[in-house]
């Protein structure tokens, strides 16, 4: 569920944490579950925003290192059936990842937190997971739900300030910022203020430019005129990818709108998808965020889905979900967005966000198949030439050679190459 859906509507959204990554920032940062103050300071940076009315589950590995984090919206009002669904899902995720220890944090009033926490703790312990700690945080105070010692855990709770904790500063300096709330994170994907008319004009110009490329291809005799636009799209998007990897940026709305129009072509989108190397996930997130913010509504799904994929790669599950929501708001049936949403909701780790195909394999999967019946007439023509050649050889000296048979052999090899190159579209293209 999301903040704009009624509690209990569907499976709650899951947010894998950046600490789950094997590359980038996570290769340098090892988050551990320490004191309650430290945990409460770290969680917002792992999610990308400060949670409220939520259950956050931290899966712990060796030496209490946080290896996965995911969040659920609390049902409001309390609903025990939904609480059991959340517990079952959390238990399934930790079991699938073979995680045997966890720490829970419930954010919100006691009447909403307790039913979900109680069900989740019961389910986790029953499956063999060691629950190290259960905290409840609300209005700047926290309580340990496993401690009955009033001297250690007073009934009024203990105050905490997550933003001032040293761990928060360390994570912010490392690039793991925390937005005030989920809505603030969503606003990072909104258009620049007052840009709607400019984006529309830029999109119309981009569409006209693309149409002119196709018309030019037809006028110059291209067998498939549309492929001229596709080749241009691949070059332009690849150039943008390199630019962002080098630390650059594109500030022009016109340029970004042009890229959004180009990447709507599945051949261009899938070529870009195959180039999403996890080592550059932060740069790729910047690129697709900029394109999404400058895209007309009808051209949002492709760059938003690519943003969702790269955000998942980087461990930013919250941003991945936001991007999926943007894609599906523009096109509710966009398959790539549904595919990535399923992976994120299943709490699959960022290490699973890898393309199974190289750019060359993607290009080959879209190569036009040979025209049916082309090879057989070539063999018939070759056969006729061979008969003519044999007749000429009989009429000439035994040492004469016929160029016709050589030509037939050459065409036969070309025919075999054409058959070898012709393939069906990739599974990726069929899904999305």
Protein backbone atom coordinates (compact mmCIF):
# COMPACT_ATOMS: atom_id res chain seq x y z
CA UNK A 1 0.00 0.00 0.00
CA UNK A 2 1.10 3.59 -0.41
CA UNK A 3 0.26 6.77 1.41
CA UNK A 4 -2.38 7.65 -1.17
CA UNK A 5 -4.18 4.32 -0.87
CA UNK A 6 -6.46 3.10 1.90
CA UNK A 7 -4.76 1.00 4.53
CA UNK A 8 -4.75 -2.64 3.58
CA UNK A 9 -5.30 -2.07 -0.14
CA UNK A 10 -3.03 -4.71 -1.64
CA UNK A 11 0.43 -5.81 -0.61
CA UNK A 12 2.34 -3.13 1.35
CA UNK A 13 5.25 -1.53 -0.42
CA UNK A 14 8.68 -2.85 0.41
CA UNK A 15 11.83 -0.72 0.45
CA UNK A 16 15.19 -2.58 0.19
CA UNK A 17 17.92 -0.54 1.80
CA UNK A 18 21.05 0.89 0.24
CA UNK A 19 23.09 -1.25 2.64
CA UNK A 20 22.07 -4.24 0.55
CA UNK A 21 24.19 -3.10 -2.37
CA UNK A 22 27.48 -4.75 -3.24
CA UNK A 23 28.80 -1.77 -5.19
CA UNK A 24 28.91 2.02 -4.83
CA UNK A 25 28.27 3.55 -1.42
CA UNK A 26 27.40 0.27 0.23
CA UNK A 27 30.79 -1.06 -0.68
CA UNK A 28 32.19 1.57 1.67
CA UNK A 29 29.45 1.74 4.33
CA UNK A 30 28.67 -1.13 6.67
CA UNK A 31 25.59 -0.32 8.72
CA UNK A 32 25.19 -2.08 12.03
CA UNK A 33 22.34 -2.19 14.50
CA UNK A 34 23.77 -0.42 17.53
CA UNK A 35 22.06 1.63 20.23
CA UNK A 36 18.40 2.60 19.78
CA UNK A 37 19.43 6.20 19.06
CA UNK A 38 21.78 5.03 16.31
CA UNK A 39 19.16 2.74 14.77
CA UNK A 40 16.55 5.50 14.74
CA UNK A 41 19.07 7.88 13.17
CA UNK A 42 20.07 5.43 10.43
CA UNK A 43 16.65 4.15 9.33
CA UNK A 44 15.48 7.34 7.55
CA UNK A 45 18.65 7.39 5.45
CA UNK A 46 18.18 3.76 4.52
CA UNK A 47 14.63 4.42 3.39
CA UNK A 48 15.26 7.82 1.82
CA UNK A 49 12.74 9.60 4.04
CA UNK A 50 11.58 9.86 7.67
CA UNK A 51 8.87 7.23 8.15
CA UNK A 52 5.62 7.68 10.01
CA UNK A 53 2.90 5.17 10.87
CA UNK A 54 5.11 2.40 9.58
CA UNK A 55 6.72 -0.88 10.53
CA UNK A 56 10.37 -1.10 9.51
CA UNK A 57 12.08 -4.49 9.50
CA UNK A 58 15.87 -4.65 9.57
CA UNK A 59 17.37 -8.02 8.64
CA UNK A 60 20.68 -8.56 10.42
CA UNK A 61 23.71 -10.51 9.29
CA UNK A 62 27.04 -11.32 10.96
CA UNK A 63 28.13 -8.86 13.65
CA UNK A 64 24.65 -7.27 13.50
CA UNK A 65 25.30 -5.77 10.07
CA UNK A 66 22.10 -4.55 8.43
CA UNK A 67 21.73 -6.51 5.19
CA UNK A 68 18.15 -5.68 4.20
CA UNK A 69 15.51 -3.19 5.28
CA UNK A 70 11.88 -2.93 4.27
CA UNK A 71 8.88 -0.90 5.39
CA UNK A 72 5.13 -1.41 5.67
CA UNK A 73 2.40 1.17 6.13
CA UNK A 74 0.45 0.48 9.31
CA UNK A 75 -3.27 -0.17 8.80
CA UNK A 76 -5.33 2.67 10.21
CA UNK A 77 -7.58 1.81 11.96
CA UNK A 78 -5.88 -1.31 13.30
CA UNK A 79 -6.73 -4.45 11.36
CA UNK A 80 -5.57 -7.82 12.67
CA UNK A 81 -6.00 -9.57 9.34
CA UNK A 82 -3.71 -7.07 7.62
CA UNK A 83 -1.31 -7.35 10.56
CA UNK A 84 -1.08 -11.10 9.94
CA UNK A 85 -0.51 -10.50 6.21
CA UNK A 86 2.37 -8.15 7.03
CA UNK A 87 3.84 -10.70 9.44
CA UNK A 88 3.64 -13.47 6.86
CA UNK A 89 5.28 -11.33 4.22
CA UNK A 90 8.13 -10.22 6.49
CA UNK A 91 8.75 -13.80 7.55
CA UNK A 92 8.79 -14.94 3.92
CA UNK A 93 11.31 -12.26 2.90
CA UNK A 94 13.75 -12.99 5.72
CA UNK A 95 13.41 -16.73 5.18
CA UNK A 96 14.06 -16.43 1.46
CA UNK A 97 17.19 -14.41 2.11
CA UNK A 98 18.24 -16.86 4.86
CA UNK A 99 18.40 -14.11 7.46
CA UNK A 100 18.14 -15.41 11.00
CA UNK A 101 18.12 -12.20 13.05
CA UNK A 102 16.04 -9.04 12.88
CA UNK A 103 15.26 -5.75 14.57
CA UNK A 104 11.84 -4.08 14.31
CA UNK A 105 10.89 -0.41 14.59
CA UNK A 106 7.26 0.65 14.75
CA UNK A 107 6.57 4.31 14.03
CA UNK A 108 3.31 5.77 15.32
CA UNK A 109 0.83 5.59 18.21
CA UNK A 110 0.69 2.47 20.36
CA UNK A 111 -2.77 1.40 19.17
CA UNK A 112 -1.53 1.14 15.56
CA UNK A 113 1.95 -0.24 16.21
CA UNK A 114 1.22 -2.99 18.75
CA UNK A 115 -1.08 -5.24 16.65
CA UNK A 116 1.34 -5.36 13.70
CA UNK A 117 4.45 -5.72 15.84
CA UNK A 118 2.92 -8.47 17.98
CA UNK A 119 1.89 -10.51 14.94
CA UNK A 120 5.24 -10.00 13.22
CA UNK A 121 7.33 -10.92 16.27
CA UNK A 122 5.24 -14.04 16.82
CA UNK A 123 5.66 -15.11 13.20
CA UNK A 124 9.41 -14.41 13.08
CA UNK A 125 10.17 -16.25 16.30
CA UNK A 126 8.05 -19.16 15.14
CA UNK A 127 10.15 -19.41 11.98
CA UNK A 128 13.43 -19.38 13.90
CA UNK A 129 14.36 -15.72 13.50
CA UNK A 130 16.06 -14.15 16.53
CA UNK A 131 14.37 -10.78 17.23
CA UNK A 132 17.11 -8.68 18.83
CA UNK A 133 15.04 -5.60 19.62
CA UNK A 134 11.63 -4.05 19.01
CA UNK A 135 11.34 -0.27 19.24
CA UNK A 136 8.38 2.07 19.00
CA UNK A 137 9.00 5.70 18.06
CA UNK A 138 6.49 8.52 18.10
CA UNK A 139 6.65 12.31 18.45
CA UNK A 140 10.37 12.45 19.19
CA UNK A 141 10.34 9.70 21.85
CA UNK A 142 11.02 5.96 21.69
CA UNK A 143 10.28 2.87 23.77
CA UNK A 144 11.75 -0.62 23.85
CA UNK A 145 8.82 -3.02 23.57
CA UNK A 146 10.92 -5.89 24.93
CA UNK A 147 12.07 -4.16 28.12
CA UNK A 148 9.99 -4.03 31.30
CA UNK A 149 12.64 -2.33 33.46
CA UNK A 150 11.34 1.17 34.25
CA UNK A 151 14.85 2.25 35.22
CA UNK A 152 16.15 1.36 31.76
CA UNK A 153 13.04 2.12 29.75
CA UNK A 154 10.83 4.66 31.55
CA UNK A 155 7.08 4.59 30.78
CA UNK A 156 7.24 8.05 29.22
CA UNK A 157 9.93 6.85 26.80
CA UNK A 158 13.24 8.47 25.94
CA UNK A 159 13.71 11.47 23.72
CA UNK A 160 15.77 11.24 20.56
CA UNK A 161 16.81 13.48 17.69
CA UNK A 162 17.72 11.38 14.64
CA UNK A 163 18.97 14.31 12.57
CA UNK A 164 21.64 15.33 15.09
CA UNK A 165 23.11 11.86 15.61
CA UNK A 166 26.66 11.40 14.19
CA UNK A 167 25.46 8.43 12.12
CA UNK A 168 23.01 10.67 10.28
CA UNK A 169 25.78 13.09 9.40
CA UNK A 170 28.00 10.29 8.14
CA UNK A 171 25.29 8.91 5.88
CA UNK A 172 24.36 12.36 4.57
CA UNK A 173 27.99 13.04 3.71
CA UNK A 174 28.11 9.69 1.91
CA UNK A 175 25.16 10.72 -0.27
CA UNK A 176 22.38 8.85 1.54
CA UNK A 177 20.07 11.74 2.27
CA UNK A 178 16.74 11.50 4.12
CA UNK A 179 13.76 13.57 2.97
CA UNK A 180 11.32 14.86 5.59
CA UNK A 181 8.62 12.43 4.47
CA UNK A 182 7.53 10.24 1.58
CA UNK A 183 5.75 13.12 -0.15
CA UNK A 184 8.96 15.17 -0.12
CA UNK A 185 10.77 12.31 -1.87
CA UNK A 186 7.97 12.13 -4.45
CA UNK A 187 8.40 15.84 -5.18
CA UNK A 188 11.94 15.20 -6.40
CA UNK A 189 10.35 13.68 -9.53
CA UNK A 190 7.99 16.56 -10.21
CA UNK A 191 8.45 18.96 -13.10
CA UNK A 192 10.28 22.25 -12.49
CA UNK A 193 7.83 24.97 -11.50
CA UNK A 194 6.23 26.73 -14.45
CA UNK A 195 7.75 24.39 -17.03
CA UNK A 196 4.61 22.65 -18.35
CA UNK A 197 4.20 24.79 -21.49
CA UNK A 198 7.89 24.66 -22.32
CA UNK A 199 7.93 20.87 -21.94
CA UNK A 200 4.92 20.55 -24.24
CA UNK A 201 6.54 22.73 -26.92
CA UNK A 202 9.80 20.83 -26.62
CA UNK A 203 7.96 17.51 -26.94
CA UNK A 204 6.07 18.59 -30.07
CA UNK A 205 9.37 19.75 -31.61
CA UNK A 206 11.01 16.43 -30.70
CA UNK A 207 8.17 14.45 -32.27
CA UNK A 208 8.44 16.52 -35.45
CA UNK A 209 12.19 15.97 -35.55
CA UNK A 210 11.69 12.22 -35.12
CA UNK A 211 9.07 12.17 -37.89
CA UNK A 212 11.46 13.96 -40.21
CA UNK A 213 14.11 11.32 -39.58
CA UNK A 214 11.66 8.58 -40.56
CA UNK A 215 10.56 10.52 -43.66
CA UNK A 216 14.17 11.00 -44.69
CA UNK A 217 14.80 7.28 -44.31
CA UNK A 218 11.84 6.52 -46.56
CA UNK A 219 12.97 9.07 -49.15
CA UNK A 220 16.48 7.61 -49.31
CA UNK A 221 15.20 4.07 -49.76
CA UNK A 222 15.76 2.61 -46.27
CA UNK A 223 14.10 -0.85 -46.13
CA UNK A 224 12.71 0.02 -42.69
CA UNK A 225 12.66 3.84 -42.41
CA UNK A 226 11.82 3.75 -38.71
CA UNK A 227 15.20 2.20 -37.94
CA UNK A 228 16.92 5.43 -38.88
CA UNK A 229 15.18 7.10 -35.95
CA UNK A 230 16.03 4.12 -33.73
CA UNK A 231 19.73 4.36 -34.58
CA UNK A 232 19.67 8.07 -33.80
CA UNK A 233 17.93 7.35 -30.51
CA UNK A 234 20.51 4.81 -29.46
CA UNK A 235 23.38 7.18 -30.23
CA UNK A 236 21.77 10.10 -28.41
CA UNK A 237 20.88 8.10 -25.29
CA UNK A 238 24.29 6.42 -25.17
CA UNK A 239 25.91 9.84 -25.38
CA UNK A 240 23.77 11.04 -22.45
CA UNK A 241 24.69 7.96 -20.40
CA UNK A 242 28.40 8.65 -20.95
CA UNK A 243 27.93 12.30 -20.05
CA UNK A 244 26.33 11.52 -16.70
CA UNK A 245 28.87 8.81 -15.92
CA UNK A 246 31.56 11.43 -16.41
CA UNK A 247 29.88 13.61 -13.79
CA UNK A 248 28.10 15.90 -16.26
CA UNK A 249 24.48 16.88 -16.56
CA UNK A 250 21.93 18.05 -19.12
CA UNK A 251 20.15 21.23 -18.07
CA UNK A 252 18.19 21.93 -21.25
CA UNK A 253 14.51 20.99 -21.06
CA UNK A 254 14.49 20.71 -24.86
CA UNK A 255 17.34 18.19 -24.82
CA UNK A 256 15.77 16.17 -22.00
CA UNK A 257 12.36 16.14 -23.72
CA UNK A 258 14.07 14.91 -26.91
CA UNK A 259 15.64 12.04 -24.96
CA UNK A 260 12.26 11.17 -23.42
CA UNK A 261 10.70 10.93 -26.90
CA UNK A 262 13.59 8.82 -28.18
CA UNK A 263 13.58 6.33 -25.31
CA UNK A 264 9.87 5.62 -25.87
CA UNK A 265 11.06 3.41 -28.75
CA UNK A 266 11.43 -0.06 -27.18
CA UNK A 267 14.61 -0.69 -29.16
CA UNK A 268 16.17 2.45 -27.71
CA UNK A 269 14.84 1.79 -24.22
CA UNK A 270 16.08 -1.79 -24.13
CA UNK A 271 19.51 -0.78 -25.42
CA UNK A 272 19.73 1.72 -22.55
CA UNK A 273 18.40 -0.90 -20.11
CA UNK A 274 21.16 -3.30 -21.10
CA UNK A 275 23.75 -0.58 -20.38
CA UNK A 276 22.66 0.00 -16.78
CA UNK A 277 25.87 -1.14 -15.10
CA UNK A 278 25.33 -1.25 -11.30
CA UNK A 279 28.72 0.41 -10.80
CA UNK A 280 27.19 3.63 -12.22
CA UNK A 281 23.75 3.36 -10.64
CA UNK A 282 23.94 6.75 -8.91
CA UNK A 283 24.81 8.49 -12.19
CA UNK A 284 22.05 6.61 -14.01
CA UNK A 285 19.54 7.66 -11.35
CA UNK A 286 20.48 11.28 -11.95
CA UNK A 287 20.03 10.88 -15.70
CA UNK A 288 16.61 9.22 -15.61
CA UNK A 289 15.38 11.55 -12.87
CA UNK A 290 16.24 14.56 -15.04
CA UNK A 291 14.50 13.02 -18.06
CA UNK A 292 11.37 12.08 -16.07
CA UNK A 293 11.09 15.65 -14.75
CA UNK A 294 11.21 17.06 -18.30
CA UNK A 295 9.04 14.46 -20.04
CA UNK A 296 5.50 15.02 -21.27
CA UNK A 297 3.03 12.71 -19.53
CA UNK A 298 2.74 10.29 -22.45
CA UNK A 299 6.53 9.90 -22.57
CA UNK A 300 7.04 9.32 -18.82
CA UNK A 301 6.68 5.48 -18.66
CA UNK A 302 9.98 4.48 -20.32
CA UNK A 303 12.38 6.81 -18.42
CA UNK A 304 10.43 6.31 -15.17
CA UNK A 305 10.76 2.52 -15.52
CA UNK A 306 14.48 2.86 -16.20
CA UNK A 307 14.74 5.08 -13.12
CA UNK A 308 12.91 2.44 -11.10
CA UNK A 309 15.38 -0.20 -12.28
CA UNK A 310 18.47 1.88 -11.48
CA UNK A 311 17.03 2.97 -8.12
CA UNK A 312 16.47 -0.70 -7.28
CA UNK A 313 20.06 -1.41 -8.36
CA UNK A 314 21.33 1.27 -5.99
CA UNK A 315 19.26 -0.06 -3.10
CA UNK A 316 16.92 2.94 -3.08
CA UNK A 317 13.66 1.02 -2.91
CA UNK A 318 11.62 4.10 -1.97
CA UNK A 319 12.70 5.93 -5.13
CA UNK A 320 12.10 2.77 -7.17
CA UNK A 321 8.50 2.63 -5.96
CA UNK A 322 8.00 6.35 -6.66
CA UNK A 323 9.28 5.88 -10.20
CA UNK A 324 7.03 2.87 -10.77
CA UNK A 325 4.05 4.90 -9.58
CA UNK A 326 4.92 7.70 -12.03
CA UNK A 327 5.19 5.22 -14.90
CA UNK A 328 1.89 3.50 -14.12
CA UNK A 329 0.07 6.78 -13.55
CA UNK A 330 0.92 7.66 -17.16
CA UNK A 331 0.29 4.15 -18.54
CA UNK A 332 -1.35 1.66 -16.15
CA UNK A 333 -0.46 -1.25 -18.45
CA UNK A 334 3.24 -0.52 -18.92
CA UNK A 335 4.77 -3.97 -18.47
CA UNK A 336 8.32 -2.98 -17.58
CA UNK A 337 7.02 -0.93 -14.64
CA UNK A 338 4.90 -3.85 -13.44
CA UNK A 339 7.90 -6.18 -13.75
CA UNK A 340 10.14 -3.98 -11.60
CA UNK A 341 7.34 -3.30 -9.13
CA UNK A 342 6.92 -7.05 -8.61
CA UNK A 343 10.63 -7.43 -7.89
CA UNK A 344 10.71 -4.54 -5.41
CA UNK A 345 7.53 -5.67 -3.65
CA UNK A 346 9.06 -9.13 -3.28
CA UNK A 347 12.04 -7.42 -1.57
CA UNK A 348 14.47 -8.95 -4.04
CA UNK A 349 17.97 -7.65 -3.28
CA UNK A 350 19.62 -5.05 -5.53
CA UNK A 351 22.11 -7.72 -6.61
CA UNK A 352 19.22 -9.28 -8.57
CA UNK A 353 18.82 -6.10 -10.67
CA UNK A 354 21.02 -7.18 -13.55
CA UNK A 355 20.18 -7.38 -17.22
CA UNK A 356 20.49 -10.87 -18.71
CA UNK A 357 21.36 -9.47 -22.16
CA UNK A 358 24.21 -7.37 -23.51
CA UNK A 359 23.52 -4.38 -25.81
CA UNK A 360 24.68 -6.50 -28.76
CA UNK A 361 22.24 -9.27 -27.83
CA UNK A 362 19.43 -6.74 -27.50
CA UNK A 363 20.22 -5.35 -30.96
CA UNK A 364 20.29 -8.84 -32.45
CA UNK A 365 16.96 -9.70 -30.83
CA UNK A 366 15.35 -6.81 -32.69
CA UNK A 367 17.04 -7.51 -36.05
CA UNK A 368 14.41 -7.90 -38.80
CA UNK A 369 13.82 -11.53 -39.76
CA UNK A 370 14.58 -12.54 -43.36
CA UNK A 371 11.67 -12.35 -45.78
CA UNK A 372 9.98 -15.74 -46.07
CA UNK A 373 10.78 -17.49 -49.31
CA UNK A 374 13.91 -15.49 -50.11
CA UNK A 375 16.43 -18.29 -49.68
CA UNK A 376 14.67 -20.89 -51.82
CA UNK A 377 14.48 -18.77 -55.01
CA UNK A 378 18.19 -18.07 -54.62
CA UNK A 379 18.87 -21.78 -54.61
CA UNK A 380 16.69 -22.20 -57.70
CA UNK A 381 18.54 -19.41 -59.49
CA UNK A 382 21.82 -20.97 -58.47
CA UNK A 383 20.64 -24.28 -59.84
CA UNK A 384 19.72 -22.73 -63.20
CA UNK A 385 23.06 -20.98 -63.40
CA UNK A 386 24.79 -24.25 -62.64
CA UNK A 387 22.93 -25.95 -65.49
CA UNK A 388 23.94 -23.15 -67.87
CA UNK A 389 27.52 -23.39 -66.65
CA UNK A 390 27.62 -27.14 -67.21
CA UNK A 391 26.26 -26.68 -70.73
CA UNK A 392 28.88 -24.05 -71.46
CA UNK A 393 31.62 -26.24 -70.06
CA UNK A 394 30.55 -29.04 -72.35
CA UNK A 395 30.65 -26.66 -75.31
CA UNK A 396 34.03 -25.25 -74.32
CA UNK A 397 37.29 -26.79 -73.36
CA UNK A 398 37.47 -28.86 -70.21
CA UNK A 399 39.55 -26.19 -68.49
CA UNK A 400 36.91 -23.41 -68.80
CA UNK A 401 35.50 -21.96 -65.60
CA UNK A 402 32.05 -20.45 -65.05
CA UNK A 403 31.76 -17.32 -62.94
CA UNK A 404 28.09 -18.13 -62.44
CA UNK A 405 28.76 -20.96 -60.00
CA UNK A 406 31.00 -18.69 -57.92
CA UNK A 407 28.29 -16.06 -57.74
CA UNK A 408 25.76 -18.68 -56.71
CA UNK A 409 28.03 -19.84 -53.90
CA UNK A 410 28.48 -16.29 -52.66
CA UNK A 411 24.76 -15.65 -52.58
CA UNK A 412 24.13 -18.90 -50.76
CA UNK A 413 26.54 -17.88 -48.00
CA UNK A 414 24.82 -14.49 -47.73
CA UNK A 415 21.49 -16.24 -47.48
CA UNK A 416 22.76 -18.44 -44.66
CA UNK A 417 24.04 -15.35 -42.83
CA UNK A 418 20.66 -13.67 -43.16
CA UNK A 419 18.94 -16.71 -41.72
CA UNK A 420 21.43 -16.83 -38.83
CA UNK A 421 20.91 -13.15 -37.98
CA UNK A 422 17.08 -13.32 -38.05
CA UNK A 423 15.81 -13.97 -34.52
CA UNK A 424 12.68 -13.48 -32.52
CA UNK A 425 12.42 -10.56 -30.10
CA UNK A 426 13.96 -10.95 -26.69
CA UNK A 427 12.05 -12.05 -23.61
CA UNK A 428 12.63 -8.55 -22.29
CA UNK A 429 10.83 -7.07 -25.26
CA UNK A 430 7.97 -9.53 -24.97
CA UNK A 431 7.45 -8.66 -21.32
CA UNK A 432 7.58 -4.93 -21.75
